[in-house]
Amino acid sequence: MLFGTHFRYPWLVATAVIVHACFFYAIVAPSCGWLVAVATRFRPKGSEVWLTIDDGPDGEASLRLSEEMSRRGVQATFFVKGRNLQRQPEVGAALVAAGHSLANHTQTHPAHLFWWLRPGPLRHEIDACNEALRSAGVSVIRWFRSPVGLKNIFLEPTLLRRGMRYVGWSVRGKDGVTCNPDDVARRVRSNVSPGAIVLLHEGRERSNEAILRVIDELRERGYSFVIPADEQLV
């Protein structure tokens, strides 16, 4: 009977396909704001970009990266995994002391399951990471980024209750799996513009080299690096 109904009313099938396709897109498209408001750019005061670095902290590698960034007068926001930060809170504290900011990238980075998390596990992923951030000396926790930009139907109210905002990106180096500094710098260089949120990653074999290459090339092109205020995000 069900098959016969669908056969007689093909618009039902078409509607179901469209609805499911839209829902899938809302979940997996990093810049889509249908399920949660997503900041993908900010209003710059000149040739400014916001450098955001995911998946750390990465121990001594993070400290070396911070030292090189300080020599260049560059500050960034590190979207950290809570479990990484719990193992090395002193690294997070050192990043904050150097003028960087730390933000929430979930506790365990459940990339394959994030979209399916129920309210309880979702709250745990956010709250446990927030607790790790506080232990590292972060007094105000404003920003959240999910694993690989996935969304969740319970995410927006969960963030709103915590006074947090979802931050996506407008330019990425695609260095999350393989990290060739030449390719990473080329991708960013080709797509960057004032007000861009640049996404890069820690924890890969040549992450520091790639991040510093991007920084140096953008500085040569006249860009400066800032951490924007909330009211600048769009």
C-alpha atoms as a PDB file:
ATOM      1  CA  MET A   1       0.000   0.000   0.000  1.00  0.00           C
ATOM      2  CA  LEU A   2       2.841   2.412   0.872  1.00  0.00           C
ATOM      3  CA  PHE A   3       4.548   1.770  -2.477  1.00  0.00           C
ATOM      4  CA  GLY A   4       1.270   2.261  -4.272  1.00  0.00           C
ATOM      5  CA  THR A   5       0.636   5.565  -2.513  1.00  0.00           C
ATOM      6  CA  HIS A   6       4.085   6.855  -3.466  1.00  0.00           C
ATOM      7  CA  PHE A   7       3.559   5.674  -7.016  1.00  0.00           C
ATOM      8  CA  ARG A   8       0.245   7.543  -7.310  1.00  0.00           C
ATOM      9  CA  TYR A   9       1.620  10.677  -5.645  1.00  0.00           C
ATOM     10  CA  PRO A  10       5.210  11.137  -6.858  1.00  0.00           C
ATOM     11  CA  TRP A  11       5.288  14.629  -5.379  1.00  0.00           C
ATOM     12  CA  LEU A  12       5.411  12.985  -1.933  1.00  0.00           C
ATOM     13  CA  VAL A  13       8.600  11.200  -2.890  1.00  0.00           C
ATOM     14  CA  ALA A  14      10.068  14.360  -4.408  1.00  0.00           C
ATOM     15  CA  THR A  15       9.196  16.363  -1.298  1.00  0.00           C
ATOM     16  CA  ALA A  16      10.791  13.776   0.988  1.00  0.00           C
ATOM     17  CA  VAL A  17      13.968  13.758  -1.114  1.00  0.00           C
ATOM     18  CA  ILE A  18      14.191  17.557  -1.068  1.00  0.00           C
ATOM     19  CA  VAL A  19      13.614  17.768   2.691  1.00  0.00           C
ATOM     20  CA  HIS A  20      16.257  15.136   3.424  1.00  0.00           C
ATOM     21  CA  ALA A  21      18.719  16.785   1.039  1.00  0.00           C
ATOM     22  CA  CYS A  22      18.230  20.160   2.715  1.00  0.00           C
ATOM     23  CA  PHE A  23      18.678  18.640   6.162  1.00  0.00           C
ATOM     24  CA  PHE A  24      21.860  16.887   5.053  1.00  0.00           C
ATOM     25  CA  TYR A  25      23.204  20.127   3.582  1.00  0.00           C
ATOM     26  CA  ALA A  26      22.407  22.049   6.781  1.00  0.00           C
ATOM     27  CA  ILE A  27      24.422  19.516   8.777  1.00  0.00           C
ATOM     28  CA  VAL A  28      27.528  19.150   6.623  1.00  0.00           C
ATOM     29  CA  ALA A  29      27.966  22.552   4.912  1.00  0.00           C
ATOM     30  CA  PRO A  30      30.373  24.507   7.153  1.00  0.00           C
ATOM     31  CA  SER A  31      29.006  27.945   6.285  1.00  0.00           C
ATOM     32  CA  CYS A  32      25.309  27.021   6.323  1.00  0.00           C
ATOM     33  CA  GLY A  33      23.383  28.808   9.065  1.00  0.00           C
ATOM     34  CA  TRP A  34      20.066  26.987   8.851  1.00  0.00           C
ATOM     35  CA  LEU A  35      20.540  25.054  12.096  1.00  0.00           C
ATOM     36  CA  VAL A  36      22.795  27.489  13.944  1.00  0.00           C
ATOM     37  CA  ALA A  37      23.952  31.031  13.201  1.00  0.00           C
ATOM     38  CA  VAL A  38      27.486  30.836  11.787  1.00  0.00           C
ATOM     39  CA  ALA A  39      30.025  33.670  11.770  1.00  0.00           C
ATOM     40  CA  THR A  40      32.190  33.268   8.662  1.00  0.00           C
ATOM     41  CA  ARG A  41      33.717  36.762   8.433  1.00  0.00           C
ATOM     42  CA  PHE A  42      34.250  39.907  10.473  1.00  0.00           C
ATOM     43  CA  ARG A  43      34.142  43.625   9.749  1.00  0.00           C
ATOM     44  CA  PRO A  44      37.796  44.680   9.416  1.00  0.00           C
ATOM     45  CA  LYS A  45      39.289  48.092  10.083  1.00  0.00           C
ATOM     46  CA  GLY A  46      41.753  47.654   7.240  1.00  0.00           C
ATOM     47  CA  SER A  47      43.600  44.745   5.645  1.00  0.00           C
ATOM     48  CA  GLU A  48      42.959  42.481   8.617  1.00  0.00           C
ATOM     49  CA  VAL A  49      42.356  38.743   8.899  1.00  0.00           C
ATOM     50  CA  TRP A  50      41.583  36.486  11.850  1.00  0.00           C
ATOM     51  CA  LEU A  51      43.839  33.441  12.110  1.00  0.00           C
ATOM     52  CA  THR A  52      42.165  30.475  13.813  1.00  0.00           C
ATOM     53  CA  ILE A  53      44.029  27.241  14.550  1.00  0.00           C
ATOM     54  CA  ASP A  54      42.184  24.001  15.343  1.00  0.00           C
ATOM     55  CA  ASP A  55      42.947  20.729  17.143  1.00  0.00           C
ATOM     56  CA  GLY A  56      45.608  21.748  19.670  1.00  0.00           C
ATOM     57  CA  PRO A  57      47.261  22.321  21.910  1.00  0.00           C
ATOM     58  CA  ASP A  58      50.196  20.289  20.653  1.00  0.00           C
ATOM     59  CA  GLY A  59      52.696  20.550  23.480  1.00  0.00           C
ATOM     60  CA  GLU A  60      56.138  21.896  22.645  1.00  0.00           C
ATOM     61  CA  ALA A  61      55.102  22.421  19.029  1.00  0.00           C
ATOM     62  CA  SER A  62      52.442  24.901  20.180  1.00  0.00           C
ATOM     63  CA  LEU A  63      54.972  26.739  22.338  1.00  0.00           C
ATOM     64  CA  ARG A  64      57.472  26.976  19.469  1.00  0.00           C
ATOM     65  CA  LEU A  65      54.722  28.200  17.154  1.00  0.00           C
ATOM     66  CA  SER A  66      53.687  30.839  19.674  1.00  0.00           C
ATOM     67  CA  GLU A  67      57.281  32.052  19.993  1.00  0.00           C
ATOM     68  CA  GLU A  68      57.603  32.462  16.229  1.00  0.00           C
ATOM     69  CA  MET A  69      54.261  34.223  16.048  1.00  0.00           C
ATOM     70  CA  SER A  70      55.303  36.615  18.826  1.00  0.00           C
ATOM     71  CA  ARG A  71      58.418  37.517  16.844  1.00  0.00           C
ATOM     72  CA  ARG A  72      56.114  38.489  13.997  1.00  0.00           C
ATOM     73  CA  GLY A  73      53.651  40.359  16.201  1.00  0.00           C
ATOM     74  CA  VAL A  74      50.852  37.938  15.320  1.00  0.00           C
ATOM     75  CA  GLN A  75      48.042  36.750  17.574  1.00  0.00           C
ATOM     76  CA  ALA A  76      45.530  34.011  16.827  1.00  0.00           C
ATOM     77  CA  THR A  77      42.646  32.075  18.333  1.00  0.00           C
ATOM     78  CA  PHE A  78      43.328  28.424  19.104  1.00  0.00           C
ATOM     79  CA  PHE A  79      40.192  26.262  18.963  1.00  0.00           C
ATOM     80  CA  VAL A  80      41.369  23.499  21.279  1.00  0.00           C
ATOM     81  CA  LYS A  81      40.232  19.989  22.061  1.00  0.00           C
ATOM     82  CA  GLY A  82      39.388  19.764  25.739  1.00  0.00           C
ATOM     83  CA  ARG A  83      41.128  16.424  26.249  1.00  0.00           C
ATOM     84  CA  ASN A  84      44.336  17.809  24.767  1.00  0.00           C
ATOM     85  CA  LEU A  85      44.165  20.872  26.985  1.00  0.00           C
ATOM     86  CA  GLN A  86      43.523  18.774  30.093  1.00  0.00           C
ATOM     87  CA  ARG A  87      46.809  16.959  29.512  1.00  0.00           C
ATOM     88  CA  GLN A  88      48.783  20.192  29.114  1.00  0.00           C
ATOM     89  CA  PRO A  89      47.022  23.138  30.781  1.00  0.00           C
ATOM     90  CA  GLU A  90      50.361  24.892  31.125  1.00  0.00           C
ATOM     91  CA  VAL A  91      50.606  25.099  27.328  1.00  0.00           C
ATOM     92  CA  GLY A  92      47.180  26.694  27.130  1.00  0.00           C
ATOM     93  CA  ALA A  93      48.118  29.152  29.872  1.00  0.00           C
ATOM     94  CA  ALA A  94      51.303  30.051  27.982  1.00  0.00           C
ATOM     95  CA  LEU A  95      49.314  30.734  24.808  1.00  0.00           C
ATOM     96  CA  VAL A  96      46.972  33.039  26.709  1.00  0.00           C
ATOM     97  CA  ALA A  97      49.937  34.811  28.333  1.00  0.00           C
ATOM     98  CA  ALA A  98      51.391  35.399  24.859  1.00  0.00           C
ATOM     99  CA  GLY A  99      48.234  37.260  23.814  1.00  0.00           C
ATOM    100  CA  HIS A 100      46.419  34.499  21.958  1.00  0.00           C
ATOM    101  CA  SER A 101      42.868  33.455  22.758  1.00  0.00           C
ATOM    102  CA  LEU A 102      41.559  29.933  23.334  1.00  0.00           C
ATOM    103  CA  ALA A 103      38.138  28.693  22.243  1.00  0.00           C
ATOM    104  CA  ASN A 104      36.035  25.521  22.361  1.00  0.00           C
ATOM    105  CA  HIS A 105      36.499  22.758  19.761  1.00  0.00           C
ATOM    106  CA  THR A 106      34.651  20.076  21.792  1.00  0.00           C
ATOM    107  CA  GLN A 107      36.099  17.739  24.383  1.00  0.00           C
ATOM    108  CA  THR A 108      36.824  14.657  22.239  1.00  0.00           C
ATOM    109  CA  HIS A 109      36.356  15.909  18.644  1.00  0.00           C
ATOM    110  CA  PRO A 110      33.660  13.348  17.674  1.00  0.00           C
ATOM    111  CA  ALA A 111      33.891  14.101  13.957  1.00  0.00           C
ATOM    112  CA  HIS A 112      31.786  11.165  12.758  1.00  0.00           C
ATOM    113  CA  LEU A 113      29.074  11.401  15.420  1.00  0.00           C
ATOM    114  CA  PHE A 114      28.749  15.095  16.253  1.00  0.00           C
ATOM    115  CA  TRP A 115      25.680  15.637  14.063  1.00  0.00           C
ATOM    116  CA  TRP A 116      23.915  12.736  15.802  1.00  0.00           C
ATOM    117  CA  LEU A 117      24.690  13.626  19.434  1.00  0.00           C
ATOM    118  CA  ARG A 118      21.692  13.848  21.724  1.00  0.00           C
ATOM    119  CA  PRO A 119      21.376  16.844  24.100  1.00  0.00           C
ATOM    120  CA  GLY A 120      23.191  15.197  27.033  1.00  0.00           C
ATOM    121  CA  PRO A 121      26.328  14.078  25.158  1.00  0.00           C
ATOM    122  CA  LEU A 122      26.366  17.355  23.239  1.00  0.00           C
ATOM    123  CA  ARG A 123      26.313  19.351  26.475  1.00  0.00           C
ATOM    124  CA  HIS A 124      29.126  17.193  27.827  1.00  0.00           C
ATOM    125  CA  GLU A 125      31.314  17.839  24.765  1.00  0.00           C
ATOM    126  CA  ILE A 126      30.911  21.588  25.207  1.00  0.00           C
ATOM    127  CA  ASP A 127      30.928  21.824  29.011  1.00  0.00           C
ATOM    128  CA  ALA A 128      33.922  19.531  29.533  1.00  0.00           C
ATOM    129  CA  CYS A 129      35.968  21.576  27.070  1.00  0.00           C
ATOM    130  CA  ASN A 130      34.829  24.782  28.773  1.00  0.00           C
ATOM    131  CA  GLU A 131      36.009  23.399  32.092  1.00  0.00           C
ATOM    132  CA  ALA A 132      39.414  22.608  30.589  1.00  0.00           C
ATOM    133  CA  LEU A 133      39.569  26.154  29.237  1.00  0.00           C
ATOM    134  CA  ARG A 134      38.809  27.611  32.663  1.00  0.00           C
ATOM    135  CA  SER A 135      41.490  25.419  34.228  1.00  0.00           C
ATOM    136  CA  ALA A 136      43.966  26.890  31.743  1.00  0.00           C
ATOM    137  CA  GLY A 137      43.064  30.422  32.829  1.00  0.00           C
ATOM    138  CA  VAL A 138      40.428  31.402  30.259  1.00  0.00           C
ATOM    139  CA  SER A 139      37.968  33.604  32.114  1.00  0.00           C
ATOM    140  CA  VAL A 140      35.530  34.411  29.287  1.00  0.00           C
ATOM    141  CA  ILE A 141      34.571  31.624  26.863  1.00  0.00           C
ATOM    142  CA  ARG A 142      32.863  33.109  23.825  1.00  0.00           C
ATOM    143  CA  TRP A 143      33.382  30.937  20.766  1.00  0.00           C
ATOM    144  CA  PHE A 144      32.716  27.403  19.608  1.00  0.00           C
ATOM    145  CA  ARG A 145      33.655  25.490  16.489  1.00  0.00           C
ATOM    146  CA  SER A 146      32.478  21.933  15.852  1.00  0.00           C
ATOM    147  CA  PRO A 147      34.549  19.135  14.317  1.00  0.00           C
ATOM    148  CA  VAL A 148      34.899  19.690  10.542  1.00  0.00           C
ATOM    149  CA  GLY A 149      32.137  22.283  10.686  1.00  0.00           C
ATOM    150  CA  LEU A 150      29.313  19.803  11.329  1.00  0.00           C
ATOM    151  CA  LYS A 151      26.025  21.020  12.791  1.00  0.00           C
ATOM    152  CA  ASN A 152      23.543  19.494  15.226  1.00  0.00           C
ATOM    153  CA  ILE A 153      19.855  20.287  15.682  1.00  0.00           C
ATOM    154  CA  PHE A 154      20.395  20.855  19.429  1.00  0.00           C
ATOM    155  CA  LEU A 155      23.486  23.024  19.020  1.00  0.00           C
ATOM    156  CA  GLU A 156      22.079  26.542  18.800  1.00  0.00           C
ATOM    157  CA  PRO A 157      20.027  26.476  22.031  1.00  0.00           C
ATOM    158  CA  THR A 158      22.921  24.774  23.811  1.00  0.00           C
ATOM    159  CA  LEU A 159      25.308  27.559  22.799  1.00  0.00           C
ATOM    160  CA  LEU A 160      22.816  30.322  23.532  1.00  0.00           C
ATOM    161  CA  ARG A 161      22.308  29.087  27.096  1.00  0.00           C
ATOM    162  CA  ARG A 162      26.081  29.354  27.589  1.00  0.00           C
ATOM    163  CA  GLY A 163      26.446  32.751  25.963  1.00  0.00           C
ATOM    164  CA  MET A 164      28.575  31.274  23.202  1.00  0.00           C
ATOM    165  CA  ARG A 165      28.682  31.849  19.466  1.00  0.00           C
ATOM    166  CA  TYR A 166      29.470  29.487  16.596  1.00  0.00           C
ATOM    167  CA  VAL A 167      32.504  30.525  14.529  1.00  0.00           C
ATOM    168  CA  GLY A 168      33.123  29.024  11.111  1.00  0.00           C
ATOM    169  CA  TRP A 169      35.598  30.222   8.512  1.00  0.00           C
ATOM    170  CA  SER A 170      35.834  31.831   5.101  1.00  0.00           C
ATOM    171  CA  VAL A 171      39.295  30.586   4.033  1.00  0.00           C
ATOM    172  CA  ARG A 172      40.963  27.283   4.838  1.00  0.00           C
ATOM    173  CA  GLY A 173      44.264  25.682   3.979  1.00  0.00           C
ATOM    174  CA  LYS A 174      42.817  22.148   3.755  1.00  0.00           C
ATOM    175  CA  ASP A 175      45.625  20.986   6.014  1.00  0.00           C
ATOM    176  CA  GLY A 176      43.490  18.808   8.263  1.00  0.00           C
ATOM    177  CA  VAL A 177      44.662  15.507   6.748  1.00  0.00           C
ATOM    178  CA  THR A 178      47.786  16.206   4.724  1.00  0.00           C
ATOM    179  CA  CYS A 179      49.857  19.298   5.346  1.00  0.00           C
ATOM    180  CA  ASN A 180      52.067  20.440   2.481  1.00  0.00           C
ATOM    181  CA  PRO A 181      53.095  24.030   3.317  1.00  0.00           C
ATOM    182  CA  ASP A 182      53.284  25.053  -0.346  1.00  0.00           C
ATOM    183  CA  ASP A 183      49.751  23.864  -1.061  1.00  0.00           C
ATOM    184  CA  VAL A 184      48.354  25.270   2.183  1.00  0.00           C
ATOM    185  CA  ALA A 185      49.837  28.720   1.554  1.00  0.00           C
ATOM    186  CA  ARG A 186      48.646  28.723  -2.047  1.00  0.00           C
ATOM    187  CA  ARG A 187      45.057  27.920  -1.047  1.00  0.00           C
ATOM    188  CA  VAL A 188      44.944  30.658   1.567  1.00  0.00           C
ATOM    189  CA  ARG A 189      46.728  33.183  -0.632  1.00  0.00           C
ATOM    190  CA  SER A 190      44.300  32.580  -3.496  1.00  0.00           C
ATOM    191  CA  ASN A 191      41.150  33.109  -1.438  1.00  0.00           C
ATOM    192  CA  VAL A 192      41.955  35.573   1.331  1.00  0.00           C
ATOM    193  CA  SER A 193      40.501  39.060   1.585  1.00  0.00           C
ATOM    194  CA  PRO A 194      40.128  41.631   4.395  1.00  0.00           C
ATOM    195  CA  GLY A 195      37.771  40.331   7.071  1.00  0.00           C
ATOM    196  CA  ALA A 196      38.457  36.668   6.334  1.00  0.00           C
ATOM    197  CA  ILE A 197      38.477  34.023   9.059  1.00  0.00           C
ATOM    198  CA  VAL A 198      41.387  31.737   8.173  1.00  0.00           C
ATOM    199  CA  LEU A 199      41.286  28.105   9.317  1.00  0.00           C
ATOM    200  CA  LEU A 200      44.497  26.116   9.837  1.00  0.00           C
ATOM    201  CA  HIS A 201      45.390  23.126  12.034  1.00  0.00           C
ATOM    202  CA  GLU A 202      47.945  21.953  14.571  1.00  0.00           C
ATOM    203  CA  GLY A 203      49.179  18.453  15.171  1.00  0.00           C
ATOM    204  CA  ARG A 204      50.280  17.449  11.661  1.00  0.00           C
ATOM    205  CA  GLU A 205      53.830  16.699  10.639  1.00  0.00           C
ATOM    206  CA  ARG A 206      54.511  20.123   9.107  1.00  0.00           C
ATOM    207  CA  SER A 207      51.804  22.211  10.763  1.00  0.00           C
ATOM    208  CA  ASN A 208      54.090  24.870  12.198  1.00  0.00           C
ATOM    209  CA  GLU A 209      55.875  25.297   8.902  1.00  0.00           C
ATOM    210  CA  ALA A 210      52.587  25.682   7.047  1.00  0.00           C
ATOM    211  CA  ILE A 211      51.109  28.152   9.551  1.00  0.00           C
ATOM    212  CA  LEU A 212      54.216  30.328   9.536  1.00  0.00           C
ATOM    213  CA  ARG A 213      54.373  30.217   5.745  1.00  0.00           C
ATOM    214  CA  VAL A 214      50.806  31.521   5.578  1.00  0.00           C
ATOM    215  CA  ILE A 215      51.572  34.239   8.119  1.00  0.00           C
ATOM    216  CA  ASP A 216      54.707  35.393   6.307  1.00  0.00           C
ATOM    217  CA  GLU A 217      53.066  35.472   2.887  1.00  0.00           C
ATOM    218  CA  LEU A 218      50.034  37.388   4.112  1.00  0.00           C
ATOM    219  CA  ARG A 219      52.208  39.889   5.986  1.00  0.00           C
ATOM    220  CA  GLU A 220      54.191  40.447   2.799  1.00  0.00           C
ATOM    221  CA  ARG A 221      50.902  41.260   1.074  1.00  0.00           C
ATOM    222  CA  GLY A 222      50.058  43.883   3.674  1.00  0.00           C
ATOM    223  CA  TYR A 223      47.723  41.905   5.913  1.00  0.00           C
ATOM    224  CA  SER A 224      47.694  42.155   9.684  1.00  0.00           C
ATOM    225  CA  PHE A 225      46.313  39.603  12.133  1.00  0.00           C
ATOM    226  CA  VAL A 226      43.707  40.501  14.736  1.00  0.00           C
ATOM    227  CA  ILE A 227      41.309  38.808  17.128  1.00  0.00           C
ATOM    228  CA  PRO A 228      37.996  40.580  16.440  1.00  0.00           C
ATOM    229  CA  ALA A 229      35.388  41.623  18.942  1.00  0.00           C
ATOM    230  CA  ASP A 230      32.053  39.813  18.967  1.00  0.00           C
ATOM    231  CA  GLU A 231      30.258  42.770  17.452  1.00  0.00           C
ATOM    232  CA  GLN A 232      32.537  42.600  14.394  1.00  0.00           C
ATOM    233  CA  LEU A 233      31.506  39.045  13.484  1.00  0.00           C
ATOM    234  CA  VAL A 234      29.150  38.494  10.577  1.00  0.00           C
END
